[in-house]
Amino acid sequence: MAYLLGTDVPDNKRITIALTKIYGIGKNKSKFICKNLGLTDNIRIFELTNKQKFKLVYFVENSDIIIKSDLSRLLLDAKKRLVALRTYRGIRSKQGLPIRGQRTHTNSKTAKKLKNY
């Protein structure tokens, strides 16, 4: 396991798949990062040199990509704002019910289970 950006990233996986283990980086962002750094999609994490790993970390930290705790804080602030404004989404979120208009009479068992926690 390689330790990149505060996350253990699997060594034996391709770089585009391994970068998705970092919270906030999906497939498209990982492909964007590899393209900008000039890395191929088939390269594995253990095949990267230390210089390439340093470039990868430097690129992600200095770009507009929001990852890890910054992203979770941003999402939590957005949720708190909806609750404070007493919007429909905020009220439903606070009650632990489905937010986006799903049926609750027979479905939404997951949301109802999570409501009690």
N, C-alpha and C. Protein backbone atom coordinates (compact mmCIF):
# COMPACT_ATOMS: atom_id res chain seq x y z
N MET A 1 0.83 -1.18 0.00
CA MET A 1 0.00 0.00 0.00
C MET A 1 0.88 1.25 0.00
N ALA A 2 0.55 2.14 -0.90
CA ALA A 2 1.22 3.44 -0.93
C ALA A 2 0.36 4.44 -0.17
N TYR A 3 1.00 5.39 0.45
CA TYR A 3 0.30 6.40 1.24
C TYR A 3 0.36 7.72 0.48
N LEU A 4 -0.74 8.09 -0.18
CA LEU A 4 -0.82 9.32 -0.95
C LEU A 4 -1.97 10.17 -0.45
N LEU A 5 -1.71 11.44 -0.19
CA LEU A 5 -2.74 12.40 0.19
C LEU A 5 -3.56 11.94 1.39
N GLY A 6 -2.91 11.29 2.35
CA GLY A 6 -3.58 10.88 3.56
C GLY A 6 -4.44 9.64 3.43
N THR A 7 -4.23 8.86 2.37
CA THR A 7 -5.02 7.67 2.14
C THR A 7 -4.12 6.52 1.70
N ASP A 8 -4.40 5.32 2.17
CA ASP A 8 -3.69 4.15 1.67
C ASP A 8 -4.25 3.79 0.31
N VAL A 9 -3.38 3.81 -0.69
CA VAL A 9 -3.78 3.53 -2.07
C VAL A 9 -3.18 2.18 -2.45
N PRO A 10 -3.98 1.25 -3.02
CA PRO A 10 -3.45 -0.07 -3.37
C PRO A 10 -2.36 0.02 -4.44
N ASP A 11 -1.27 -0.72 -4.24
CA ASP A 11 -0.13 -0.69 -5.16
C ASP A 11 -0.40 -1.40 -6.47
N ASN A 12 -1.11 -2.50 -6.43
CA ASN A 12 -1.22 -3.35 -7.60
C ASN A 12 -2.32 -2.94 -8.57
N LYS A 13 -3.06 -1.92 -8.27
CA LYS A 13 -4.13 -1.47 -9.18
C LYS A 13 -3.63 -0.39 -10.12
N ARG A 14 -4.34 -0.23 -11.24
CA ARG A 14 -3.99 0.83 -12.18
C ARG A 14 -4.20 2.18 -11.51
N ILE A 15 -3.47 3.16 -11.98
CA ILE A 15 -3.46 4.46 -11.30
C ILE A 15 -4.83 5.13 -11.32
N THR A 16 -5.58 4.97 -12.42
CA THR A 16 -6.90 5.62 -12.48
C THR A 16 -7.87 5.00 -11.48
N ILE A 17 -7.73 3.71 -11.23
CA ILE A 17 -8.61 3.04 -10.27
C ILE A 17 -8.13 3.31 -8.85
N ALA A 18 -6.82 3.30 -8.64
CA ALA A 18 -6.27 3.49 -7.29
C ALA A 18 -6.55 4.89 -6.77
N LEU A 19 -6.53 5.90 -7.63
CA LEU A 19 -6.78 7.26 -7.17
C LEU A 19 -8.22 7.47 -6.72
N THR A 20 -9.13 6.62 -7.18
CA THR A 20 -10.53 6.75 -6.77
C THR A 20 -10.73 6.36 -5.31
N LYS A 21 -9.74 5.75 -4.67
CA LYS A 21 -9.84 5.40 -3.25
C LYS A 21 -9.72 6.65 -2.37
N ILE A 22 -9.24 7.75 -2.95
CA ILE A 22 -9.13 9.00 -2.22
C ILE A 22 -10.49 9.69 -2.25
N TYR A 23 -11.00 10.08 -1.08
CA TYR A 23 -12.32 10.70 -0.98
C TYR A 23 -12.34 12.02 -1.75
N GLY A 24 -13.20 12.09 -2.76
CA GLY A 24 -13.33 13.30 -3.55
C GLY A 24 -12.78 13.16 -4.96
N ILE A 25 -12.11 12.05 -5.25
CA ILE A 25 -11.57 11.82 -6.60
C ILE A 25 -12.29 10.62 -7.18
N GLY A 26 -12.97 10.85 -8.30
CA GLY A 26 -13.66 9.78 -9.01
C GLY A 26 -12.89 9.39 -10.25
N LYS A 27 -13.54 8.62 -11.12
CA LYS A 27 -12.87 8.15 -12.34
C LYS A 27 -12.49 9.29 -13.26
N ASN A 28 -13.40 10.23 -13.47
CA ASN A 28 -13.11 11.33 -14.39
C ASN A 28 -11.99 12.21 -13.88
N LYS A 29 -11.99 12.52 -12.59
CA LYS A 29 -10.93 13.36 -12.04
C LYS A 29 -9.59 12.64 -12.07
N SER A 30 -9.59 11.32 -11.83
CA SER A 30 -8.34 10.59 -11.86
C SER A 30 -7.78 10.55 -13.28
N LYS A 31 -8.65 10.40 -14.27
CA LYS A 31 -8.19 10.44 -15.67
C LYS A 31 -7.66 11.83 -16.03
N PHE A 32 -8.32 12.87 -15.52
CA PHE A 32 -7.86 14.24 -15.75
C PHE A 32 -6.48 14.47 -15.14
N ILE A 33 -6.27 13.96 -13.94
CA ILE A 33 -4.98 14.10 -13.27
C ILE A 33 -3.89 13.38 -14.05
N CYS A 34 -4.17 12.15 -14.47
CA CYS A 34 -3.18 11.37 -15.22
C CYS A 34 -2.85 12.03 -16.55
N LYS A 35 -3.85 12.57 -17.21
CA LYS A 35 -3.63 13.23 -18.49
C LYS A 35 -2.73 14.46 -18.32
N ASN A 36 -2.99 15.26 -17.28
CA ASN A 36 -2.19 16.47 -17.06
C ASN A 36 -0.77 16.15 -16.63
N LEU A 37 -0.56 15.02 -15.96
CA LEU A 37 0.78 14.65 -15.53
C LEU A 37 1.53 13.84 -16.58
N GLY A 38 0.83 13.43 -17.64
CA GLY A 38 1.46 12.66 -18.70
C GLY A 38 1.64 11.20 -18.35
N LEU A 39 0.81 10.67 -17.48
CA LEU A 39 0.87 9.27 -17.09
C LEU A 39 -0.13 8.47 -17.91
N THR A 40 0.24 7.24 -18.27
CA THR A 40 -0.69 6.39 -19.00
C THR A 40 -1.68 5.76 -18.02
N ASP A 41 -2.80 5.29 -18.55
CA ASP A 41 -3.83 4.67 -17.70
C ASP A 41 -3.41 3.30 -17.19
N ASN A 42 -2.50 2.64 -17.89
CA ASN A 42 -2.14 1.27 -17.55
C ASN A 42 -1.03 1.17 -16.50
N ILE A 43 -0.42 2.27 -16.12
CA ILE A 43 0.66 2.23 -15.15
C ILE A 43 0.09 1.92 -13.76
N ARG A 44 0.83 1.14 -13.00
CA ARG A 44 0.41 0.77 -11.64
C ARG A 44 1.10 1.70 -10.64
N ILE A 45 0.55 1.77 -9.46
CA ILE A 45 1.09 2.67 -8.44
C ILE A 45 2.53 2.29 -8.06
N PHE A 46 2.82 1.00 -7.95
CA PHE A 46 4.17 0.60 -7.55
C PHE A 46 5.21 0.89 -8.63
N GLU A 47 4.76 1.12 -9.87
CA GLU A 47 5.68 1.44 -10.96
C GLU A 47 6.05 2.92 -11.00
N LEU A 48 5.36 3.75 -10.21
CA LEU A 48 5.65 5.18 -10.18
C LEU A 48 6.96 5.44 -9.44
N THR A 49 7.73 6.38 -9.94
CA THR A 49 8.94 6.79 -9.23
C THR A 49 8.55 7.76 -8.13
N ASN A 50 9.48 8.02 -7.24
CA ASN A 50 9.20 8.98 -6.16
C ASN A 50 8.94 10.36 -6.72
N LYS A 51 9.62 10.71 -7.80
CA LYS A 51 9.42 12.01 -8.43
C LYS A 51 8.01 12.14 -8.99
N GLN A 52 7.50 11.06 -9.60
CA GLN A 52 6.15 11.06 -10.15
C GLN A 52 5.11 11.14 -9.03
N LYS A 53 5.37 10.43 -7.94
CA LYS A 53 4.44 10.50 -6.80
C LYS A 53 4.40 11.91 -6.22
N PHE A 54 5.57 12.53 -6.12
CA PHE A 54 5.64 13.89 -5.61
C PHE A 54 4.88 14.84 -6.53
N LYS A 55 5.05 14.68 -7.86
CA LYS A 55 4.32 15.51 -8.83
C LYS A 55 2.82 15.33 -8.69
N LEU A 56 2.40 14.09 -8.49
CA LEU A 56 0.97 13.78 -8.33
C LEU A 56 0.39 14.49 -7.11
N VAL A 57 1.06 14.38 -5.99
CA VAL A 57 0.59 15.02 -4.76
C VAL A 57 0.60 16.54 -4.91
N TYR A 58 1.66 17.06 -5.50
CA TYR A 58 1.79 18.51 -5.69
C TYR A 58 0.68 19.04 -6.60
N PHE A 59 0.37 18.29 -7.68
CA PHE A 59 -0.68 18.71 -8.62
C PHE A 59 -2.04 18.75 -7.94
N VAL A 60 -2.36 17.72 -7.17
CA VAL A 60 -3.68 17.66 -6.53
C VAL A 60 -3.82 18.74 -5.46
N GLU A 61 -2.75 18.96 -4.69
CA GLU A 61 -2.82 19.97 -3.63
C GLU A 61 -2.92 21.38 -4.18
N ASN A 62 -2.34 21.65 -5.33
CA ASN A 62 -2.32 23.00 -5.88
C ASN A 62 -3.37 23.24 -6.96
N SER A 63 -4.24 22.29 -7.19
CA SER A 63 -5.30 22.48 -8.17
C SER A 63 -6.61 22.83 -7.45
N ASP A 64 -7.67 22.95 -8.20
CA ASP A 64 -8.98 23.30 -7.64
C ASP A 64 -9.74 22.10 -7.09
N ILE A 65 -9.12 20.94 -7.08
CA ILE A 65 -9.78 19.72 -6.63
C ILE A 65 -9.91 19.74 -5.11
N ILE A 66 -11.13 19.58 -4.64
CA ILE A 66 -11.40 19.56 -3.20
C ILE A 66 -11.49 18.11 -2.76
N ILE A 67 -10.66 17.73 -1.79
CA ILE A 67 -10.64 16.34 -1.35
C ILE A 67 -10.65 16.26 0.17
N LYS A 68 -10.90 15.05 0.65
CA LYS A 68 -10.81 14.67 2.04
C LYS A 68 -11.64 15.53 2.98
N SER A 69 -11.04 16.06 4.02
CA SER A 69 -11.79 16.75 5.07
C SER A 69 -12.40 18.06 4.57
N ASP A 70 -11.75 18.72 3.60
CA ASP A 70 -12.32 19.95 3.05
C ASP A 70 -13.65 19.67 2.37
N LEU A 71 -13.70 18.57 1.62
CA LEU A 71 -14.93 18.20 0.92
C LEU A 71 -16.02 17.81 1.90
N SER A 72 -15.69 17.01 2.90
CA SER A 72 -16.71 16.59 3.87
C SER A 72 -17.22 17.79 4.65
N ARG A 73 -16.34 18.74 4.99
CA ARG A 73 -16.76 19.95 5.70
C ARG A 73 -17.69 20.79 4.82
N LEU A 74 -17.37 20.89 3.53
CA LEU A 74 -18.18 21.65 2.59
C LEU A 74 -19.59 21.06 2.48
N LEU A 75 -19.67 19.72 2.39
CA LEU A 75 -20.96 19.06 2.28
C LEU A 75 -21.77 19.20 3.57
N LEU A 76 -21.09 19.11 4.70
CA LEU A 76 -21.77 19.26 5.99
C LEU A 76 -22.30 20.68 6.17
N ASP A 77 -21.52 21.66 5.74
CA ASP A 77 -21.98 23.06 5.82
C ASP A 77 -23.20 23.30 4.93
N ALA A 78 -23.22 22.68 3.76
CA ALA A 78 -24.36 22.83 2.86
C ALA A 78 -25.61 22.22 3.49
N LYS A 79 -25.44 21.07 4.14
CA LYS A 79 -26.57 20.42 4.80
C LYS A 79 -27.08 21.25 5.97
N LYS A 80 -26.16 21.81 6.76
CA LYS A 80 -26.55 22.66 7.89
C LYS A 80 -27.27 23.91 7.42
N ARG A 81 -26.83 24.45 6.29
CA ARG A 81 -27.48 25.64 5.73
C ARG A 81 -28.91 25.34 5.34
N LEU A 82 -29.15 24.18 4.73
CA LEU A 82 -30.51 23.80 4.35
C LEU A 82 -31.40 23.63 5.58
N VAL A 83 -30.85 23.05 6.64
CA VAL A 83 -31.62 22.87 7.86
C VAL A 83 -31.93 24.22 8.50
N ALA A 84 -30.95 25.12 8.50
CA ALA A 84 -31.14 26.43 9.12
C ALA A 84 -32.16 27.27 8.37
N LEU A 85 -32.21 27.13 7.04
CA LEU A 85 -33.18 27.88 6.24
C LEU A 85 -34.57 27.25 6.27
N ARG A 86 -34.65 26.07 6.89
CA ARG A 86 -35.91 25.34 6.98
C ARG A 86 -36.52 25.06 5.61
N THR A 87 -35.67 24.66 4.67
CA THR A 87 -36.16 24.26 3.36
C THR A 87 -36.73 22.85 3.47
N TYR A 88 -37.45 22.45 2.43
CA TYR A 88 -38.03 21.11 2.43
C TYR A 88 -36.95 20.06 2.55
N ARG A 89 -35.87 20.23 1.79
CA ARG A 89 -34.76 19.29 1.84
C ARG A 89 -34.12 19.25 3.22
N GLY A 90 -34.02 20.40 3.86
CA GLY A 90 -33.44 20.46 5.19
C GLY A 90 -34.29 19.76 6.23
N ILE A 91 -35.60 19.98 6.16
CA ILE A 91 -36.52 19.35 7.11
C ILE A 91 -36.51 17.84 6.95
N ARG A 92 -36.56 17.37 5.69
CA ARG A 92 -36.55 15.93 5.43
C ARG A 92 -35.23 15.32 5.87
N SER A 93 -34.16 16.04 5.66
CA SER A 93 -32.85 15.56 6.07
C SER A 93 -32.77 15.42 7.59
N LYS A 94 -33.30 16.39 8.28
CA LYS A 94 -33.29 16.37 9.75
C LYS A 94 -34.16 15.24 10.30
N GLN A 95 -35.26 14.94 9.62
CA GLN A 95 -36.15 13.87 10.04
C GLN A 95 -35.62 12.48 9.66
N GLY A 96 -34.62 12.45 8.78
CA GLY A 96 -34.06 11.17 8.35
C GLY A 96 -34.90 10.47 7.31
N LEU A 97 -35.66 11.23 6.54
CA LEU A 97 -36.51 10.67 5.50
C LEU A 97 -35.92 10.96 4.13
N PRO A 98 -36.40 10.29 3.08
CA PRO A 98 -35.88 10.56 1.74
C PRO A 98 -36.08 12.02 1.35
N ILE A 99 -35.08 12.59 0.72
CA ILE A 99 -35.06 14.02 0.44
C ILE A 99 -35.59 14.35 -0.94
N ARG A 100 -35.36 13.48 -1.88
CA ARG A 100 -35.60 13.83 -3.28
C ARG A 100 -36.92 13.30 -3.84
N GLY A 101 -37.92 13.23 -3.02
CA GLY A 101 -39.26 12.93 -3.52
C GLY A 101 -39.58 11.46 -3.65
N GLN A 102 -38.80 10.59 -3.06
CA GLN A 102 -39.10 9.17 -3.18
C GLN A 102 -40.33 8.81 -2.35
N ARG A 103 -40.92 7.70 -2.72
CA ARG A 103 -42.11 7.22 -2.04
C ARG A 103 -41.73 6.68 -0.65
N THR A 104 -42.56 6.95 0.35
CA THR A 104 -42.24 6.48 1.70
C THR A 104 -43.25 5.48 2.23
N HIS A 105 -44.37 5.30 1.53
CA HIS A 105 -45.40 4.40 2.05
C HIS A 105 -44.90 2.96 2.07
N THR A 106 -44.35 2.50 0.96
CA THR A 106 -43.89 1.12 0.91
C THR A 106 -42.38 1.00 0.75
N ASN A 107 -41.74 2.01 0.22
CA ASN A 107 -40.30 1.93 0.00
C ASN A 107 -39.54 2.71 1.08
N SER A 108 -38.33 3.07 0.79
CA SER A 108 -37.44 3.87 1.65
C SER A 108 -37.14 3.18 2.98
N LYS A 109 -36.99 1.86 2.95
CA LYS A 109 -36.69 1.14 4.19
C LYS A 109 -35.32 1.53 4.73
N THR A 110 -34.37 1.80 3.83
CA THR A 110 -33.03 2.18 4.27
C THR A 110 -33.06 3.50 5.03
N ALA A 111 -33.78 4.47 4.48
CA ALA A 111 -33.85 5.78 5.13
C ALA A 111 -34.55 5.66 6.48
N LYS A 112 -35.57 4.82 6.56
CA LYS A 112 -36.28 4.66 7.83
C LYS A 112 -35.41 3.94 8.86
N LYS A 113 -34.56 2.99 8.41
CA LYS A 113 -33.65 2.32 9.32
C LYS A 113 -32.62 3.30 9.87
N LEU A 114 -32.08 4.13 8.98
CA LEU A 114 -31.05 5.07 9.38
C LEU A 114 -31.60 6.20 10.24
N LYS A 115 -32.92 6.41 10.20
CA LYS A 115 -33.57 7.48 10.96
C LYS A 115 -33.37 7.30 12.46
N ASN A 116 -33.30 6.06 12.91
CA ASN A 116 -33.21 5.78 14.33
C ASN A 116 -31.81 5.96 14.89
N TYR A 117 -30.83 6.16 14.03
CA TYR A 117 -29.44 6.27 14.52
C TYR A 117 -28.99 7.66 14.66
